[in-house]
C-alpha atoms as a PDB file:
ATOM      1  CA  MET A   1      -6.564  -3.818   5.886  1.00  0.00           C
ATOM      2  CA  PHE A   2      -6.995  -6.387   8.647  1.00  0.00           C
ATOM      3  CA  VAL A   3      -8.881  -8.705   6.276  1.00  0.00           C
ATOM      4  CA  TYR A   4      -6.132  -8.337   3.661  1.00  0.00           C
ATOM      5  CA  ARG A   5      -3.495  -9.260   6.225  1.00  0.00           C
ATOM      6  CA  GLN A   6      -5.431 -12.377   7.216  1.00  0.00           C
ATOM      7  CA  LEU A   7      -5.832 -13.413   3.567  1.00  0.00           C
ATOM      8  CA  TYR A   8      -2.137 -12.781   2.955  1.00  0.00           C
ATOM      9  CA  GLN A   9      -1.139 -14.871   5.959  1.00  0.00           C
ATOM     10  CA  ILE A  10      -3.052 -17.880   4.668  1.00  0.00           C
ATOM     11  CA  GLY A  11      -1.488 -17.490   1.228  1.00  0.00           C
ATOM     12  CA  LEU A  12      -4.362 -16.070  -0.808  1.00  0.00           C
ATOM     13  CA  LEU A  13      -2.781 -12.693  -1.628  1.00  0.00           C
ATOM     14  CA  ARG A  14       0.900 -13.476  -2.106  1.00  0.00           C
ATOM     15  CA  ARG A  15       1.050 -12.569  -5.782  1.00  0.00           C
ATOM     16  CA  TRP A  16       2.761  -9.221  -6.490  1.00  0.00           C
ATOM     17  CA  ASN A  17       0.534  -7.049  -8.672  1.00  0.00           C
ATOM     18  CA  ALA A  18       2.147  -3.617  -8.293  1.00  0.00           C
ATOM     19  CA  SER A  19       3.542  -1.905 -11.391  1.00  0.00           C
ATOM     20  CA  GLU A  20       6.791   0.022 -11.490  1.00  0.00           C
ATOM     21  CA  ILE A  21       5.573   3.277 -13.060  1.00  0.00           C
ATOM     22  CA  LEU A  22       8.941   5.064 -12.717  1.00  0.00           C
ATOM     23  CA  PRO A  23      12.281   3.639 -11.612  1.00  0.00           C
ATOM     24  CA  GLY A  24      11.808   2.838  -7.930  1.00  0.00           C
ATOM     25  CA  LEU A  25       8.173   4.078  -7.837  1.00  0.00           C
ATOM     26  CA  TYR A  26       5.453   1.432  -7.660  1.00  0.00           C
ATOM     27  CA  LEU A  27       1.679   1.693  -7.914  1.00  0.00           C
ATOM     28  CA  GLY A  28      -0.268  -1.136  -6.341  1.00  0.00           C
ATOM     29  CA  GLY A  29      -3.189  -2.164  -4.219  1.00  0.00           C
ATOM     30  CA  ALA A  30      -3.703  -3.123  -0.600  1.00  0.00           C
ATOM     31  CA  SER A  31      -2.498  -6.681  -1.168  1.00  0.00           C
ATOM     32  CA  ASP A  32       0.826  -5.321  -2.441  1.00  0.00           C
ATOM     33  CA  ALA A  33       1.140  -2.887   0.481  1.00  0.00           C
ATOM     34  CA  ILE A  34       0.998  -5.746   3.003  1.00  0.00           C
ATOM     35  CA  ASN A  35       3.409  -8.026   1.147  1.00  0.00           C
ATOM     36  CA  LEU A  36       6.402  -7.252   3.350  1.00  0.00           C
ATOM     37  CA  SER A  37       8.734  -9.768   1.735  1.00  0.00           C
ATOM     38  CA  GLU A  38       8.203  -8.264  -1.750  1.00  0.00           C
ATOM     39  CA  LEU A  39       8.423  -4.706  -0.442  1.00  0.00           C
ATOM     40  CA  GLN A  40      11.757  -5.540   1.163  1.00  0.00           C
ATOM     41  CA  ARG A  41      12.991  -7.505  -1.865  1.00  0.00           C
ATOM     42  CA  ARG A  42      12.341  -4.448  -4.047  1.00  0.00           C
ATOM     43  CA  ASN A  43      13.957  -2.098  -1.485  1.00  0.00           C
ATOM     44  CA  ILE A  44      10.694  -0.217  -0.924  1.00  0.00           C
ATOM     45  CA  SER A  45      10.951   1.710   2.334  1.00  0.00           C
ATOM     46  CA  ARG A  46       8.022   4.138   2.082  1.00  0.00           C
ATOM     47  CA  VAL A  47       4.329   3.542   1.422  1.00  0.00           C
ATOM     48  CA  LEU A  48       1.671   6.101   0.519  1.00  0.00           C
ATOM     49  CA  THR A  49      -1.774   4.794   1.443  1.00  0.00           C
ATOM     50  CA  ILE A  50      -4.889   6.460   0.071  1.00  0.00           C
ATOM     51  CA  ALA A  51      -7.841   4.751   1.739  1.00  0.00           C
ATOM     52  CA  THR A  52     -10.211   4.982   4.653  1.00  0.00           C
ATOM     53  CA  GLY A  53      -9.752   3.197   7.946  1.00  0.00           C
ATOM     54  CA  CYS A  54      -6.388   1.568   7.226  1.00  0.00           C
ATOM     55  CA  LEU A  55      -3.605   1.292   9.749  1.00  0.00           C
ATOM     56  CA  PRO A  56       0.037   0.797   8.709  1.00  0.00           C
ATOM     57  CA  PRO A  57       0.701  -2.942   9.012  1.00  0.00           C
ATOM     58  CA  TYR A  58       4.519  -2.744   9.402  1.00  0.00           C
ATOM     59  CA  PRO A  59       5.451   0.562  11.076  1.00  0.00           C
ATOM     60  CA  GLN A  60       8.612  -1.007  12.464  1.00  0.00           C
ATOM     61  CA  HIS A  61       9.848  -1.795   8.903  1.00  0.00           C
ATOM     62  CA  LEU A  62       8.407   0.920   6.636  1.00  0.00           C
ATOM     63  CA  LYS A  63       7.584   4.623   6.706  1.00  0.00           C
ATOM     64  CA  TYR A  64       3.975   5.478   5.872  1.00  0.00           C
ATOM     65  CA  HIS A  65       2.088   8.526   4.685  1.00  0.00           C
ATOM     66  CA  TYR A  66      -1.663   8.113   5.014  1.00  0.00           C
ATOM     67  CA  ILE A  67      -4.375  10.042   3.176  1.00  0.00           C
ATOM     68  CA  ASP A  68      -7.891   9.387   4.436  1.00  0.00           C
ATOM     69  CA  ALA A  69      -9.850   9.322   1.173  1.00  0.00           C
ATOM     70  CA  GLN A  70     -12.312   7.010  -0.527  1.00  0.00           C
ATOM     71  CA  ASP A  71     -11.590   5.107  -3.737  1.00  0.00           C
ATOM     72  CA  ARG A  72     -14.209   6.875  -5.861  1.00  0.00           C
ATOM     73  CA  PRO A  73     -13.974   8.761  -9.176  1.00  0.00           C
ATOM     74  CA  ASP A  74     -15.310  11.965  -7.593  1.00  0.00           C
ATOM     75  CA  GLN A  75     -12.864  11.907  -4.651  1.00  0.00           C
ATOM     76  CA  SER A  76     -10.448  14.813  -4.992  1.00  0.00           C
ATOM     77  CA  ILE A  77      -6.988  14.321  -3.484  1.00  0.00           C
ATOM     78  CA  GLU A  78      -5.123  17.163  -5.175  1.00  0.00           C
ATOM     79  CA  HIS A  79      -5.262  19.382  -2.063  1.00  0.00           C
ATOM     80  CA  TYR A  80      -3.061  16.828  -0.243  1.00  0.00           C
ATOM     81  CA  PHE A  81      -0.233  17.495  -2.709  1.00  0.00           C
ATOM     82  CA  LYS A  82      -0.142  21.320  -2.732  1.00  0.00           C
END
């Protein structure tokens, strides 16, 4: 996440790529999760992060739920939602 924040700060990741999959529910990547201005513009106040080794970049502005899991097809995350 640190690398993403550095790339965002120099302007390389400022494009918003998240998709609104339900009204008020967005699905996006790490570059979207660190785009504080877009998160605030869209009134997003909570972020679910499913990754390994990521720290919440804006804990003073957003509420985070973190699931330590790898982005792999065989990674099961269903037990986190029971």
